[in-house]
C-alpha cells in the first residue's frame, strides 16, 4: 500500500489505492486498516488527507470507521470486476467514459438539483485554482465527475462510474496523468468543465452532452499522444 516518494497524493488518490487493495483481496473483509498515523507515513500525506480518504471509502461502502477502535474493511470484492479493472488500459477507460458520460450529462439536467449544481460549480472553481498542481487538479476532477453522476440519482450508473474510477488508481493511469496534465491541458479542461456545468445549470441536455464528448475526445487525444512517447 505504499506510494513512490516523488509522487504527491491527494485524498482521492489514496482512497483509490486503498480501494484497489480491497478489490484485489490484499485487504480482506473484517481486516483492520493501519492507524491514520501509519497510513500518513506510508503515503507521505497529512493525517487530515488520510481522514478525508477514509471518509470517502466509508461513504462508498468499502470501510467502516469505528470510533475508538479503528477502520475496518466491510467490502467483499467481486473477482470478475477486479480482473476487468486490473486489465483495463487508460484508452479503454476513456472509451468507456465516452459511452456513458455524455448521457450522464443529460440525466443530470433531468434529475439534478440546485445543491448538486452548486457542488459542481464549487469544484470547477477548485480546478481553476489548480493550474500548476496536477495532483490537486486530478483530485478535484475526480470529485467533479463523481458529483455529476451522483446528480443523476441512478444507483446502477453511480456504481458503474465508481468501477471506472477504480481504473484511475492503476499504475498505467497514474503514469499517464503525470505525462498529460501540464498547465495548458489543465486550462483547456477547466474551460470545458465550466461549459458543461453552465449547460447543465441552464437545462440544455444536448449541449452539455456534446461538450462532454469534446472534453473526452480532448483527453483521449492527450492520452494517445502520451502513449506514443
Protein backbone atom coordinates (compact mmCIF):
# COMPACT_ATOMS: atom_id res chain seq x y z
CA UNK A 1 0.00 0.00 0.00
CA UNK A 2 2.93 2.32 -0.45
CA UNK A 3 3.46 5.22 -2.85
CA UNK A 4 6.63 6.37 -4.53
CA UNK A 5 8.43 9.14 -2.63
CA UNK A 6 8.36 11.58 -5.57
CA UNK A 7 4.60 11.38 -6.06
CA UNK A 8 2.30 13.68 -4.12
CA UNK A 9 -1.03 12.02 -3.39
CA UNK A 10 -4.37 13.63 -2.59
CA UNK A 11 -7.28 12.11 -0.71
CA UNK A 12 -8.86 10.77 -3.91
CA UNK A 13 -5.57 9.10 -4.92
CA UNK A 14 -5.15 7.47 -1.51
CA UNK A 15 -8.77 6.33 -1.45
CA UNK A 16 -8.27 4.80 -4.90
CA UNK A 17 -5.11 2.96 -3.80
CA UNK A 18 -6.78 1.53 -0.68
CA UNK A 19 -9.85 0.65 -2.75
CA UNK A 20 -7.60 -1.26 -5.16
CA UNK A 21 -6.03 -3.21 -2.27
CA UNK A 22 -9.51 -4.15 -1.09
CA UNK A 23 -10.66 -5.08 -4.59
CA UNK A 24 -7.57 -7.27 -5.11
CA UNK A 25 -8.17 -9.04 -1.80
CA UNK A 26 -4.93 -7.79 -0.24
CA UNK A 27 -7.16 -6.20 2.37
CA UNK A 28 -9.97 -8.61 3.18
CA UNK A 29 -13.39 -8.43 4.79
CA UNK A 30 -13.13 -7.52 8.51
CA UNK A 31 -9.42 -6.59 8.25
CA UNK A 32 -8.42 -3.55 10.29
CA UNK A 33 -6.58 -0.85 8.36
CA UNK A 34 -3.37 0.57 9.84
CA UNK A 35 -3.85 3.64 12.07
CA UNK A 36 -4.05 7.09 10.45
CA UNK A 37 -0.50 7.87 11.59
CA UNK A 38 0.88 4.80 9.81
CA UNK A 39 -1.14 5.48 6.66
CA UNK A 40 0.11 9.07 6.66
CA UNK A 41 3.71 7.83 6.77
CA UNK A 42 3.04 5.19 4.13
CA UNK A 43 1.53 7.62 1.63
CA UNK A 44 3.55 10.70 2.56
CA UNK A 45 0.37 12.65 3.32
CA UNK A 46 -1.06 14.71 6.16
CA UNK A 47 -3.35 12.93 8.59
CA UNK A 48 -6.19 15.23 7.51
CA UNK A 49 -5.76 13.94 3.94
CA UNK A 50 -5.84 10.35 5.20
CA UNK A 51 -9.00 11.12 7.16
CA UNK A 52 -10.68 12.51 4.04
CA UNK A 53 -9.68 9.41 2.07
CA UNK A 54 -11.11 7.07 4.72
CA UNK A 55 -14.32 9.08 4.94
CA UNK A 56 -14.69 8.76 1.16
CA UNK A 57 -14.18 5.00 1.35
CA UNK A 58 -16.75 4.74 4.13
CA UNK A 59 -19.28 6.67 2.05
CA UNK A 60 -18.63 4.27 -0.83
CA UNK A 61 -19.20 1.22 1.40
CA UNK A 62 -15.63 -0.09 1.40
CA UNK A 63 -14.76 0.50 5.04
CA UNK A 64 -16.42 1.26 8.36
CA UNK A 65 -14.85 3.77 10.75
CA UNK A 66 -15.48 2.69 14.36
CA UNK A 67 -14.82 5.37 16.96
CA UNK A 68 -12.15 4.27 19.42
CA UNK A 69 -11.48 1.05 17.51
CA UNK A 70 -10.23 1.80 14.00
CA UNK A 71 -11.20 1.42 10.36
CA UNK A 72 -12.35 -1.98 9.10
CA UNK A 73 -12.94 -3.43 5.64
CA UNK A 74 -16.63 -4.16 5.05
CA UNK A 75 -16.50 -4.76 1.28
CA UNK A 76 -16.11 -8.19 -0.33
CA UNK A 77 -14.59 -7.90 -3.82
CA UNK A 78 -16.09 -9.43 -6.94
CA UNK A 79 -13.23 -11.25 -8.68
CA UNK A 80 -14.61 -10.73 -12.20
CA UNK A 81 -14.89 -6.98 -11.56
CA UNK A 82 -11.36 -6.91 -10.15
CA UNK A 83 -9.95 -8.66 -13.24
CA UNK A 84 -11.64 -6.17 -15.55
CA UNK A 85 -10.20 -3.26 -13.58
CA UNK A 86 -6.68 -4.68 -13.45
CA UNK A 87 -6.61 -5.43 -17.18
CA UNK A 88 -8.13 -2.16 -18.41
CA UNK A 89 -5.86 0.29 -20.23
CA UNK A 90 -6.16 4.09 -19.95
CA UNK A 91 -7.52 4.25 -23.50
CA UNK A 92 -10.15 1.61 -22.70
CA UNK A 93 -11.12 3.74 -19.73
CA UNK A 94 -11.60 6.77 -21.99
CA UNK A 95 -13.68 4.78 -24.49
CA UNK A 96 -15.92 3.52 -21.70
CA UNK A 97 -16.34 7.02 -20.31
CA UNK A 98 -17.21 8.26 -23.81
CA UNK A 99 -20.00 5.67 -23.96
CA UNK A 100 -21.52 6.77 -20.65
CA UNK A 101 -20.72 10.31 -19.56
CA UNK A 102 -22.47 12.31 -22.31
CA UNK A 103 -25.72 10.62 -21.26
CA UNK A 104 -24.83 11.26 -17.61
CA UNK A 105 -24.98 14.96 -18.54
CA UNK A 106 -28.48 14.53 -19.97
CA UNK A 107 -29.64 12.76 -16.82
CA UNK A 108 -28.05 15.45 -14.65
CA UNK A 109 -30.20 18.03 -16.45
CA UNK A 110 -33.31 15.91 -15.80
CA UNK A 111 -32.68 14.94 -12.20
CA UNK A 112 -30.06 17.33 -10.83
CA UNK A 113 -30.89 19.72 -8.01
CA UNK A 114 -29.57 23.18 -7.24
CA UNK A 115 -27.42 21.72 -4.45
CA UNK A 116 -25.80 19.38 -6.99
CA UNK A 117 -25.10 22.26 -9.34
CA UNK A 118 -23.65 24.36 -6.52
CA UNK A 119 -21.33 21.48 -5.61
CA UNK A 120 -20.14 21.09 -9.21
CA UNK A 121 -19.60 24.83 -9.51
CA UNK A 122 -17.52 24.80 -6.34
CA UNK A 123 -15.40 22.00 -7.84
CA UNK A 124 -15.00 23.98 -11.09
CA UNK A 125 -13.59 26.83 -9.03
CA UNK A 126 -11.22 24.45 -7.21
CA UNK A 127 -9.96 23.04 -10.51
CA UNK A 128 -9.39 26.54 -11.86
CA UNK A 129 -7.15 27.22 -8.86
CA UNK A 130 -5.00 24.12 -9.61
CA UNK A 131 -3.44 25.03 -12.97
CA UNK A 132 0.07 24.40 -11.63
CA UNK A 133 -0.83 21.45 -9.40
CA UNK A 134 -1.77 18.30 -11.39
CA UNK A 135 -2.38 16.20 -8.29
CA UNK A 136 -4.81 18.68 -6.72
CA UNK A 137 -6.47 19.16 -10.11
CA UNK A 138 -6.86 15.42 -10.62
CA UNK A 139 -8.45 15.04 -7.19
CA UNK A 140 -10.95 17.85 -7.84
CA UNK A 141 -11.58 16.49 -11.35
CA UNK A 142 -12.46 13.06 -9.93
CA UNK A 143 -14.83 14.69 -7.45
CA UNK A 144 -16.44 16.77 -10.23
CA UNK A 145 -17.22 13.76 -12.40
CA UNK A 146 -18.48 11.85 -9.33
CA UNK A 147 -20.72 14.79 -8.35
CA UNK A 148 -22.03 14.83 -11.90
CA UNK A 149 -23.07 11.17 -11.83
CA UNK A 150 -24.42 11.50 -8.27
CA UNK A 151 -26.83 14.14 -9.56
CA UNK A 152 -28.48 11.54 -11.83
CA UNK A 153 -29.88 9.68 -8.77
CA UNK A 154 -29.22 6.44 -10.71
CA UNK A 155 -27.69 3.91 -8.34
CA UNK A 156 -26.56 1.46 -11.03
CA UNK A 157 -24.92 4.18 -13.08
CA UNK A 158 -23.17 5.53 -9.99
CA UNK A 159 -21.81 2.03 -9.28
CA UNK A 160 -20.55 1.64 -12.86
CA UNK A 161 -18.81 5.02 -12.77
CA UNK A 162 -17.23 4.02 -9.44
CA UNK A 163 -15.73 0.94 -11.13
CA UNK A 164 -14.35 3.15 -13.89
CA UNK A 165 -12.88 5.35 -11.18
CA UNK A 166 -11.04 2.32 -9.79
CA UNK A 167 -9.10 2.06 -13.06
CA UNK A 168 -7.69 5.52 -12.37
CA UNK A 169 -5.77 4.08 -9.40
CA UNK A 170 -3.89 1.64 -11.63
CA UNK A 171 -0.21 2.31 -12.36
CA UNK A 172 -0.70 2.96 -16.10
CA UNK A 173 -3.27 5.67 -15.42
CA UNK A 174 -1.10 7.33 -12.77
CA UNK A 175 1.83 7.40 -15.21
CA UNK A 176 -0.35 8.86 -17.97
CA UNK A 177 -1.65 11.54 -15.64
CA UNK A 178 1.88 12.75 -14.99
CA UNK A 179 2.64 12.77 -18.71
CA UNK A 180 -0.51 14.60 -19.84
CA UNK A 181 -1.52 17.10 -17.14
CA UNK A 182 0.52 20.18 -17.95
CA UNK A 183 -0.73 23.71 -17.25
CA UNK A 184 -2.13 24.26 -20.75
CA UNK A 185 -4.04 20.97 -20.72
CA UNK A 186 -5.49 21.76 -17.31
CA UNK A 187 -6.62 25.17 -18.55
CA UNK A 188 -8.35 23.53 -21.53
CA UNK A 189 -10.09 21.01 -19.27
CA UNK A 190 -11.19 23.81 -16.93
CA UNK A 191 -12.87 25.69 -19.77
CA UNK A 192 -14.69 22.52 -20.81
CA UNK A 193 -15.75 21.67 -17.26
CA UNK A 194 -17.15 25.17 -16.80
CA UNK A 195 -19.04 24.95 -20.11
CA UNK A 196 -20.52 21.57 -19.11
CA UNK A 197 -21.59 22.99 -15.77
CA UNK A 198 -23.21 26.06 -17.35
CA UNK A 199 -25.13 23.93 -19.89
CA UNK A 200 -26.44 21.66 -17.13
CA UNK A 201 -27.46 24.58 -14.94
CA UNK A 202 -29.34 26.21 -17.84
CA UNK A 203 -31.04 22.87 -18.58
CA UNK A 204 -29.54 22.25 -22.04
CA UNK A 205 -29.03 18.46 -22.14
CA UNK A 206 -27.72 18.07 -25.69
CA UNK A 207 -25.34 21.00 -25.35
CA UNK A 208 -23.98 19.53 -22.12
CA UNK A 209 -23.62 16.08 -23.74
CA UNK A 210 -21.81 17.50 -26.77
CA UNK A 211 -19.36 19.47 -24.64
CA UNK A 212 -18.69 16.33 -22.60
CA UNK A 213 -17.92 14.47 -25.83
CA UNK A 214 -15.50 17.23 -26.80
CA UNK A 215 -13.91 17.07 -23.35
CA UNK A 216 -13.41 13.30 -23.50
CA UNK A 217 -12.11 13.50 -27.07
CA UNK A 218 -9.53 16.04 -25.88
CA UNK A 219 -8.49 13.77 -23.03
CA UNK A 220 -8.30 10.71 -25.28
CA UNK A 221 -6.12 12.53 -27.80
CA UNK A 222 -3.81 13.60 -24.99
CA UNK A 223 -3.54 10.01 -23.76
CA UNK A 224 -2.90 8.71 -27.28
CA UNK A 225 -0.05 11.15 -27.79
CA UNK A 226 1.45 10.30 -24.39
CA UNK A 227 1.28 6.56 -25.09
CA UNK A 228 3.37 7.09 -28.23
CA UNK A 229 6.24 8.70 -26.30
